[in-house]
Amino acid sequence: MRVIGIDPGLATTGIGLVEGDEHGEIRCLDWCTITTPAGLATPDRLLELSRDLKTYMDEHRPSLAVVERIFFSVNERTAVDVAQARGVILAAIAEKSLPILEPTPPQLKSCITGDGKADKRQMQDMLARMFKLPSIPKPDDAADALAMAVFGALQEHASIATR
């Protein structure tokens, strides 16, 4: 099973891609970001995000998508931008008829590190160890997305094991 994890953002959207097998082994395939220029109008940035994400999904053919649920943000403007990007992302995934998992931040952290209150560095360190990477995945948006992809692969393996 190939799983895409997506960390939504208007300026930068993180993408992580993993592949899990029936034995619970997970291989890291890719991590990257989709960026949109700050000078573009919001509708144009959202359109660019949608197109780029669909192209990525067409090229890599995931069978499951994981997008983190929005959590409360202190910065209202950022929260609105993320919500708009997330809506476009969910629509693009739905257009590809992919199942979607939407973990909360504590669910994601607990699954990856065993601690629902883990900080960003703990998550990144765990990913580096898990995949035997020479350094933590960068940028942070891509690392967050990679963690979401791992979450999806682990959840899918757990559901197969209980069938």
N, C-alpha and C. Protein backbone atom coordinates (compact mmCIF):
# COMPACT_ATOMS: atom_id res chain seq x y z
N MET A 1 0.85 -1.18 0.00
CA MET A 1 0.00 0.00 0.00
C MET A 1 0.89 1.23 0.00
N ARG A 2 0.58 2.14 -0.87
CA ARG A 2 1.31 3.41 -0.96
C ARG A 2 0.46 4.49 -0.31
N VAL A 3 1.07 5.23 0.63
CA VAL A 3 0.33 6.22 1.41
C VAL A 3 0.97 7.59 1.24
N ILE A 4 0.13 8.58 0.93
CA ILE A 4 0.57 9.97 0.86
C ILE A 4 0.10 10.69 2.11
N GLY A 5 1.01 11.37 2.75
CA GLY A 5 0.69 12.22 3.88
C GLY A 5 0.81 13.66 3.43
N ILE A 6 -0.12 14.51 3.87
CA ILE A 6 -0.15 15.90 3.42
C ILE A 6 -0.30 16.83 4.62
N ASP A 7 0.62 17.79 4.72
CA ASP A 7 0.58 18.83 5.75
C ASP A 7 0.14 20.11 5.07
N PRO A 8 -1.14 20.50 5.20
CA PRO A 8 -1.68 21.62 4.43
C PRO A 8 -1.09 22.99 4.79
N GLY A 9 -0.95 23.81 3.79
CA GLY A 9 -0.54 25.19 3.96
C GLY A 9 -0.73 25.93 2.65
N LEU A 10 -0.99 27.21 2.73
CA LEU A 10 -1.17 27.99 1.51
C LEU A 10 0.19 28.29 0.87
N ALA A 11 1.15 28.72 1.66
CA ALA A 11 2.48 29.02 1.13
C ALA A 11 3.28 27.75 0.88
N THR A 12 3.21 26.81 1.83
CA THR A 12 3.97 25.57 1.73
C THR A 12 3.11 24.41 2.21
N THR A 13 2.96 23.42 1.36
CA THR A 13 2.27 22.19 1.70
C THR A 13 3.29 21.07 1.69
N GLY A 14 3.37 20.34 2.80
CA GLY A 14 4.29 19.22 2.88
C GLY A 14 3.68 17.97 2.30
N ILE A 15 4.53 17.17 1.66
CA ILE A 15 4.12 15.89 1.08
C ILE A 15 5.08 14.82 1.58
N GLY A 16 4.55 13.70 2.01
CA GLY A 16 5.36 12.54 2.38
C GLY A 16 4.76 11.32 1.72
N LEU A 17 5.61 10.41 1.27
CA LEU A 17 5.13 9.22 0.59
C LEU A 17 5.86 8.00 1.14
N VAL A 18 5.09 7.01 1.57
CA VAL A 18 5.66 5.76 2.07
C VAL A 18 4.94 4.59 1.42
N GLU A 19 5.57 3.44 1.55
CA GLU A 19 4.95 2.21 1.07
C GLU A 19 5.02 1.19 2.19
N GLY A 20 3.90 0.60 2.51
CA GLY A 20 3.84 -0.42 3.55
C GLY A 20 3.46 -1.76 2.94
N ASP A 21 4.00 -2.83 3.53
CA ASP A 21 3.65 -4.15 3.03
C ASP A 21 2.81 -4.90 4.06
N GLU A 22 2.42 -6.13 3.71
CA GLU A 22 1.54 -6.91 4.57
C GLU A 22 2.21 -7.36 5.87
N HIS A 23 3.54 -7.23 5.94
CA HIS A 23 4.28 -7.62 7.15
C HIS A 23 4.50 -6.44 8.10
N GLY A 24 4.01 -5.26 7.73
CA GLY A 24 4.17 -4.08 8.57
C GLY A 24 5.44 -3.31 8.31
N GLU A 25 6.21 -3.73 7.31
CA GLU A 25 7.42 -3.00 6.93
C GLU A 25 7.02 -1.75 6.17
N ILE A 26 7.66 -0.63 6.49
CA ILE A 26 7.35 0.64 5.83
C ILE A 26 8.63 1.20 5.22
N ARG A 27 8.55 1.54 3.94
CA ARG A 27 9.68 2.15 3.24
C ARG A 27 9.34 3.60 2.93
N CYS A 28 10.30 4.46 3.18
CA CYS A 28 10.16 5.88 2.83
C CYS A 28 10.47 6.03 1.35
N LEU A 29 9.55 6.59 0.59
CA LEU A 29 9.75 6.77 -0.84
C LEU A 29 10.12 8.20 -1.21
N ASP A 30 9.53 9.19 -0.50
CA ASP A 30 9.74 10.57 -0.91
C ASP A 30 9.22 11.51 0.15
N TRP A 31 9.80 12.69 0.20
CA TRP A 31 9.22 13.82 0.92
C TRP A 31 9.62 15.07 0.18
N CYS A 32 8.69 16.02 0.14
CA CYS A 32 8.92 17.26 -0.61
C CYS A 32 7.88 18.29 -0.17
N THR A 33 7.90 19.44 -0.82
CA THR A 33 6.88 20.46 -0.56
C THR A 33 6.33 21.00 -1.88
N ILE A 34 5.13 21.48 -1.80
CA ILE A 34 4.52 22.27 -2.87
C ILE A 34 4.46 23.69 -2.33
N THR A 35 5.05 24.63 -3.05
CA THR A 35 5.02 26.02 -2.62
C THR A 35 4.27 26.87 -3.63
N THR A 36 3.64 27.92 -3.12
CA THR A 36 2.94 28.86 -4.00
C THR A 36 3.49 30.26 -3.73
N PRO A 37 3.66 31.05 -4.77
CA PRO A 37 4.24 32.38 -4.61
C PRO A 37 3.35 33.33 -3.80
N ALA A 38 3.97 34.05 -2.89
CA ALA A 38 3.24 34.99 -2.03
C ALA A 38 2.56 36.10 -2.84
N GLY A 39 3.08 36.46 -3.97
CA GLY A 39 2.52 37.56 -4.76
C GLY A 39 1.24 37.22 -5.50
N LEU A 40 0.92 35.94 -5.60
CA LEU A 40 -0.30 35.53 -6.31
C LEU A 40 -1.53 35.76 -5.44
N ALA A 41 -2.65 36.02 -6.07
CA ALA A 41 -3.92 36.11 -5.35
C ALA A 41 -4.26 34.73 -4.77
N THR A 42 -4.95 34.72 -3.65
CA THR A 42 -5.27 33.47 -2.97
C THR A 42 -5.95 32.44 -3.89
N PRO A 43 -6.96 32.83 -4.69
CA PRO A 43 -7.57 31.82 -5.57
C PRO A 43 -6.55 31.18 -6.53
N ASP A 44 -5.60 31.97 -7.02
CA ASP A 44 -4.59 31.44 -7.93
C ASP A 44 -3.62 30.50 -7.20
N ARG A 45 -3.31 30.83 -5.96
CA ARG A 45 -2.43 29.96 -5.17
C ARG A 45 -3.13 28.63 -4.89
N LEU A 46 -4.41 28.69 -4.57
CA LEU A 46 -5.17 27.47 -4.31
C LEU A 46 -5.27 26.60 -5.56
N LEU A 47 -5.47 27.25 -6.70
CA LEU A 47 -5.53 26.51 -7.97
C LEU A 47 -4.19 25.83 -8.26
N GLU A 48 -3.08 26.55 -8.03
CA GLU A 48 -1.75 25.98 -8.25
C GLU A 48 -1.52 24.79 -7.31
N LEU A 49 -1.91 24.93 -6.05
CA LEU A 49 -1.78 23.84 -5.10
C LEU A 49 -2.55 22.61 -5.57
N SER A 50 -3.78 22.81 -5.99
CA SER A 50 -4.62 21.72 -6.46
C SER A 50 -3.98 21.02 -7.66
N ARG A 51 -3.55 21.78 -8.62
CA ARG A 51 -2.94 21.19 -9.83
C ARG A 51 -1.67 20.41 -9.50
N ASP A 52 -0.81 21.01 -8.67
CA ASP A 52 0.45 20.35 -8.32
C ASP A 52 0.21 19.06 -7.54
N LEU A 53 -0.75 19.09 -6.62
CA LEU A 53 -1.05 17.91 -5.84
C LEU A 53 -1.62 16.80 -6.73
N LYS A 54 -2.52 17.14 -7.62
CA LYS A 54 -3.09 16.14 -8.53
C LYS A 54 -2.00 15.53 -9.41
N THR A 55 -1.08 16.35 -9.88
CA THR A 55 0.03 15.84 -10.70
C THR A 55 0.87 14.87 -9.88
N TYR A 56 1.18 15.23 -8.64
CA TYR A 56 1.97 14.36 -7.77
C TYR A 56 1.25 13.02 -7.57
N MET A 57 -0.04 13.08 -7.28
CA MET A 57 -0.81 11.85 -7.06
C MET A 57 -0.88 11.01 -8.33
N ASP A 58 -1.01 11.64 -9.49
CA ASP A 58 -1.01 10.90 -10.75
C ASP A 58 0.31 10.19 -10.98
N GLU A 59 1.42 10.84 -10.63
CA GLU A 59 2.75 10.26 -10.83
C GLU A 59 3.05 9.13 -9.85
N HIS A 60 2.59 9.27 -8.60
CA HIS A 60 2.99 8.33 -7.55
C HIS A 60 1.90 7.34 -7.15
N ARG A 61 0.70 7.53 -7.58
CA ARG A 61 -0.42 6.62 -7.39
C ARG A 61 -0.60 6.06 -5.97
N PRO A 62 -0.83 6.95 -5.00
CA PRO A 62 -1.09 6.45 -3.64
C PRO A 62 -2.45 5.76 -3.58
N SER A 63 -2.60 4.87 -2.60
CA SER A 63 -3.89 4.20 -2.42
C SER A 63 -4.61 4.68 -1.16
N LEU A 64 -3.94 5.54 -0.38
CA LEU A 64 -4.53 6.11 0.82
C LEU A 64 -3.91 7.48 1.05
N ALA A 65 -4.70 8.42 1.54
CA ALA A 65 -4.21 9.76 1.86
C ALA A 65 -4.46 10.05 3.33
N VAL A 66 -3.52 10.77 3.95
CA VAL A 66 -3.65 11.17 5.34
C VAL A 66 -3.43 12.68 5.41
N VAL A 67 -4.41 13.38 5.95
CA VAL A 67 -4.35 14.84 6.09
C VAL A 67 -4.70 15.17 7.53
N GLU A 68 -3.80 15.87 8.20
CA GLU A 68 -4.02 16.20 9.61
C GLU A 68 -5.23 17.11 9.78
N ARG A 69 -6.00 16.84 10.81
CA ARG A 69 -7.12 17.73 11.16
C ARG A 69 -6.57 19.07 11.61
N ILE A 70 -7.30 20.12 11.31
CA ILE A 70 -6.87 21.45 11.72
C ILE A 70 -7.04 21.58 13.22
N PHE A 71 -6.04 22.17 13.85
CA PHE A 71 -6.11 22.46 15.27
C PHE A 71 -6.20 23.96 15.44
N PHE A 72 -6.61 24.41 16.60
CA PHE A 72 -6.78 25.83 16.86
C PHE A 72 -5.47 26.56 16.66
N SER A 73 -5.53 27.67 15.97
CA SER A 73 -4.33 28.48 15.74
C SER A 73 -4.51 29.85 16.36
N VAL A 74 -3.45 30.37 16.94
CA VAL A 74 -3.50 31.70 17.55
C VAL A 74 -3.62 32.77 16.46
N ASN A 75 -2.96 32.54 15.34
CA ASN A 75 -2.97 33.49 14.23
C ASN A 75 -4.18 33.21 13.34
N GLU A 76 -5.18 34.07 13.40
CA GLU A 76 -6.42 33.86 12.66
C GLU A 76 -6.19 33.81 11.15
N ARG A 77 -5.32 34.67 10.63
CA ARG A 77 -5.06 34.71 9.20
C ARG A 77 -4.45 33.40 8.72
N THR A 78 -3.48 32.89 9.48
CA THR A 78 -2.85 31.62 9.13
C THR A 78 -3.87 30.49 9.17
N ALA A 79 -4.74 30.50 10.17
CA ALA A 79 -5.76 29.45 10.29
C ALA A 79 -6.69 29.46 9.09
N VAL A 80 -7.07 30.63 8.62
CA VAL A 80 -7.95 30.72 7.44
C VAL A 80 -7.22 30.20 6.21
N ASP A 81 -5.97 30.60 6.03
CA ASP A 81 -5.19 30.13 4.88
C ASP A 81 -5.05 28.61 4.88
N VAL A 82 -4.73 28.06 6.04
CA VAL A 82 -4.58 26.60 6.16
C VAL A 82 -5.91 25.91 5.88
N ALA A 83 -7.00 26.46 6.40
CA ALA A 83 -8.33 25.88 6.18
C ALA A 83 -8.68 25.88 4.69
N GLN A 84 -8.37 26.97 4.01
CA GLN A 84 -8.65 27.04 2.57
C GLN A 84 -7.81 26.01 1.81
N ALA A 85 -6.53 25.93 2.15
CA ALA A 85 -5.64 24.96 1.49
C ALA A 85 -6.12 23.53 1.78
N ARG A 86 -6.51 23.29 3.01
CA ARG A 86 -6.97 21.95 3.38
C ARG A 86 -8.22 21.56 2.59
N GLY A 87 -9.12 22.51 2.38
CA GLY A 87 -10.32 22.24 1.59
C GLY A 87 -9.98 21.85 0.16
N VAL A 88 -9.06 22.56 -0.44
CA VAL A 88 -8.63 22.25 -1.81
C VAL A 88 -7.97 20.87 -1.85
N ILE A 89 -7.15 20.58 -0.83
CA ILE A 89 -6.46 19.29 -0.76
C ILE A 89 -7.46 18.15 -0.63
N LEU A 90 -8.44 18.30 0.26
CA LEU A 90 -9.46 17.26 0.43
C LEU A 90 -10.25 17.04 -0.85
N ALA A 91 -10.55 18.12 -1.56
CA ALA A 91 -11.28 18.00 -2.82
C ALA A 91 -10.43 17.26 -3.87
N ALA A 92 -9.15 17.58 -3.94
CA ALA A 92 -8.26 16.91 -4.91
C ALA A 92 -8.16 15.42 -4.60
N ILE A 93 -8.07 15.07 -3.33
CA ILE A 93 -8.00 13.66 -2.93
C ILE A 93 -9.31 12.96 -3.28
N ALA A 94 -10.43 13.60 -2.97
CA ALA A 94 -11.74 13.02 -3.27
C ALA A 94 -11.91 12.81 -4.77
N GLU A 95 -11.39 13.75 -5.55
CA GLU A 95 -11.47 13.63 -7.01
C GLU A 95 -10.74 12.37 -7.49
N LYS A 96 -9.70 11.97 -6.79
CA LYS A 96 -8.94 10.76 -7.14
C LYS A 96 -9.55 9.51 -6.50
N SER A 97 -10.65 9.68 -5.76
CA SER A 97 -11.37 8.58 -5.10
C SER A 97 -10.51 7.81 -4.11
N LEU A 98 -9.62 8.53 -3.42
CA LEU A 98 -8.78 7.91 -2.41
C LEU A 98 -9.45 7.95 -1.04
N PRO A 99 -9.32 6.89 -0.27
CA PRO A 99 -9.77 6.98 1.12
C PRO A 99 -8.88 7.97 1.87
N ILE A 100 -9.46 8.64 2.86
CA ILE A 100 -8.73 9.67 3.60
C ILE A 100 -8.81 9.37 5.09
N LEU A 101 -7.66 9.45 5.75
CA LEU A 101 -7.61 9.44 7.21
C LEU A 101 -7.29 10.85 7.66
N GLU A 102 -7.91 11.28 8.77
CA GLU A 102 -7.70 12.63 9.27
C GLU A 102 -7.40 12.61 10.77
N PRO A 103 -6.15 12.26 11.12
CA PRO A 103 -5.81 12.21 12.54
C PRO A 103 -5.67 13.61 13.15
N THR A 104 -5.93 13.68 14.44
CA THR A 104 -5.65 14.92 15.18
C THR A 104 -4.15 14.94 15.49
N PRO A 105 -3.59 16.10 15.81
CA PRO A 105 -2.17 16.14 16.17
C PRO A 105 -1.80 15.17 17.31
N PRO A 106 -2.59 15.08 18.40
CA PRO A 106 -2.22 14.12 19.44
C PRO A 106 -2.27 12.65 18.96
N GLN A 107 -3.22 12.30 18.11
CA GLN A 107 -3.27 10.94 17.58
C GLN A 107 -2.03 10.64 16.75
N LEU A 108 -1.64 11.59 15.93
CA LEU A 108 -0.46 11.43 15.08
C LEU A 108 0.79 11.26 15.94
N LYS A 109 0.97 12.15 16.91
CA LYS A 109 2.16 12.11 17.77
C LYS A 109 2.21 10.82 18.57
N SER A 110 1.09 10.39 19.09
CA SER A 110 1.03 9.17 19.88
C SER A 110 1.39 7.95 19.03
N CYS A 111 0.91 7.91 17.82
CA CYS A 111 1.18 6.79 16.91
C CYS A 111 2.66 6.72 16.54
N ILE A 112 3.28 7.85 16.28
CA ILE A 112 4.67 7.88 15.82
C ILE A 112 5.66 7.75 16.97
N THR A 113 5.41 8.45 18.08
CA THR A 113 6.40 8.48 19.17
C THR A 113 5.95 7.75 20.44
N GLY A 114 4.65 7.45 20.54
CA GLY A 114 4.13 6.88 21.78
C GLY A 114 3.72 7.94 22.79
N ASP A 115 3.89 9.21 22.42
CA ASP A 115 3.58 10.33 23.32
C ASP A 115 2.74 11.36 22.55
N GLY A 116 1.47 11.50 22.96
CA GLY A 116 0.57 12.43 22.29
C GLY A 116 0.95 13.89 22.43
N LYS A 117 1.93 14.18 23.28
CA LYS A 117 2.38 15.56 23.48
C LYS A 117 3.81 15.76 22.97
N ALA A 118 4.28 14.84 22.15
CA ALA A 118 5.65 14.94 21.63
C ALA A 118 5.82 16.25 20.86
N ASP A 119 7.03 16.79 20.90
CA ASP A 119 7.28 18.01 20.13
C ASP A 119 7.77 17.65 18.72
N LYS A 120 7.89 18.67 17.91
CA LYS A 120 8.26 18.50 16.51
C LYS A 120 9.59 17.76 16.36
N ARG A 121 10.56 18.10 17.20
CA ARG A 121 11.88 17.47 17.10
C ARG A 121 11.82 15.98 17.42
N GLN A 122 11.01 15.61 18.41
CA GLN A 122 10.86 14.18 18.75
C GLN A 122 10.28 13.41 17.57
N MET A 123 9.31 14.02 16.90
CA MET A 123 8.69 13.38 15.72
C MET A 123 9.74 13.20 14.62
N GLN A 124 10.49 14.25 14.36
CA GLN A 124 11.50 14.20 13.30
C GLN A 124 12.59 13.18 13.63
N ASP A 125 13.04 13.14 14.88
CA ASP A 125 14.06 12.17 15.29
C ASP A 125 13.55 10.74 15.10
N MET A 126 12.29 10.51 15.43
CA MET A 126 11.71 9.17 15.28
C MET A 126 11.68 8.77 13.81
N LEU A 127 11.31 9.69 12.93
CA LEU A 127 11.29 9.39 11.49
C LEU A 127 12.70 9.07 10.99
N ALA A 128 13.68 9.84 11.42
CA ALA A 128 15.06 9.60 10.99
C ALA A 128 15.52 8.22 11.45
N ARG A 129 15.20 7.84 12.68
CA ARG A 129 15.57 6.50 13.17
C ARG A 129 14.82 5.41 12.42
N MET A 130 13.53 5.61 12.25
CA MET A 130 12.68 4.61 11.60
C MET A 130 13.18 4.26 10.20
N PHE A 131 13.58 5.30 9.47
CA PHE A 131 14.00 5.09 8.08
C PHE A 131 15.52 5.09 7.90
N LYS A 132 16.24 5.12 9.04
CA LYS A 132 17.71 5.10 9.00
C LYS A 132 18.26 6.22 8.10
N LEU A 133 17.71 7.42 8.29
CA LEU A 133 18.13 8.58 7.51
C LEU A 133 19.35 9.22 8.17
N PRO A 134 20.26 9.78 7.38
CA PRO A 134 21.44 10.41 7.96
C PRO A 134 21.12 11.68 8.75
N SER A 135 19.98 12.31 8.46
CA SER A 135 19.54 13.49 9.19
C SER A 135 18.02 13.54 9.16
N ILE A 136 17.47 14.45 9.96
CA ILE A 136 16.01 14.55 10.01
C ILE A 136 15.49 15.10 8.68
N PRO A 137 14.28 14.67 8.28
CA PRO A 137 13.71 15.20 7.04
C PRO A 137 13.48 16.70 7.14
N LYS A 138 13.76 17.41 6.10
CA LYS A 138 13.57 18.86 6.02
C LYS A 138 12.83 19.19 4.74
N PRO A 139 12.09 20.26 4.66
CA PRO A 139 11.73 21.17 5.75
C PRO A 139 10.69 20.54 6.69
N ASP A 140 10.35 21.28 7.74
CA ASP A 140 9.41 20.78 8.74
C ASP A 140 8.08 20.33 8.14
N ASP A 141 7.60 21.05 7.13
CA ASP A 141 6.31 20.70 6.51
C ASP A 141 6.38 19.31 5.88
N ALA A 142 7.50 19.01 5.23
CA ALA A 142 7.67 17.70 4.61
C ALA A 142 7.81 16.61 5.67
N ALA A 143 8.53 16.91 6.77
CA ALA A 143 8.67 15.94 7.85
C ALA A 143 7.31 15.64 8.48
N ASP A 144 6.50 16.66 8.68
CA ASP A 144 5.15 16.46 9.24
C ASP A 144 4.32 15.59 8.30
N ALA A 145 4.43 15.82 7.01
CA ALA A 145 3.69 15.04 6.03
C ALA A 145 4.17 13.59 6.00
N LEU A 146 5.47 13.40 6.13
CA LEU A 146 6.02 12.04 6.16
C LEU A 146 5.49 11.29 7.38
N ALA A 147 5.40 11.98 8.51
CA ALA A 147 4.83 11.36 9.72
C ALA A 147 3.38 10.94 9.47
N MET A 148 2.63 11.76 8.76
CA MET A 148 1.24 11.42 8.46
C MET A 148 1.16 10.19 7.56
N ALA A 149 2.07 10.10 6.59
CA ALA A 149 2.08 8.93 5.71
C ALA A 149 2.38 7.67 6.52
N VAL A 150 3.33 7.76 7.45
CA VAL A 150 3.65 6.63 8.32
C VAL A 150 2.42 6.25 9.15
N PHE A 151 1.74 7.24 9.70
CA PHE A 151 0.51 7.00 10.46
C PHE A 151 -0.46 6.17 9.61
N GLY A 152 -0.67 6.58 8.38
CA GLY A 152 -1.59 5.86 7.50
C GLY A 152 -1.17 4.43 7.25
N ALA A 153 0.14 4.22 7.01
CA ALA A 153 0.63 2.86 6.77
C ALA A 153 0.45 1.99 8.01
N LEU A 154 0.72 2.55 9.19
CA LEU A 154 0.56 1.79 10.43
C LEU A 154 -0.92 1.47 10.69
N GLN A 155 -1.79 2.43 10.45
CA GLN A 155 -3.23 2.20 10.65
C GLN A 155 -3.75 1.14 9.69
N GLU A 156 -3.29 1.20 8.45
CA GLU A 156 -3.74 0.23 7.45
C GLU A 156 -3.24 -1.17 7.81
N HIS A 157 -1.98 -1.27 8.25
CA HIS A 157 -1.45 -2.58 8.64
C HIS A 157 -2.24 -3.14 9.83
N ALA A 158 -2.56 -2.28 10.80
CA ALA A 158 -3.32 -2.72 11.97
C ALA A 158 -4.70 -3.22 11.56
N SER A 159 -5.33 -2.55 10.59
CA SER A 159 -6.68 -2.98 10.18
C SER A 159 -6.61 -4.29 9.40
N ILE A 160 -5.55 -4.51 8.64
CA ILE A 160 -5.38 -5.77 7.91
C ILE A 160 -5.12 -6.90 8.90
N ALA A 161 -4.31 -6.63 9.91
CA ALA A 161 -3.96 -7.65 10.90
C ALA A 161 -5.16 -8.12 11.72
N THR A 162 -6.15 -7.25 11.87
CA THR A 162 -7.33 -7.61 12.68
C THR A 162 -8.45 -8.21 11.85
N ARG A 163 -8.27 -8.29 10.56
CA ARG A 163 -9.34 -8.86 9.71
C ARG A 163 -9.37 -10.36 9.79
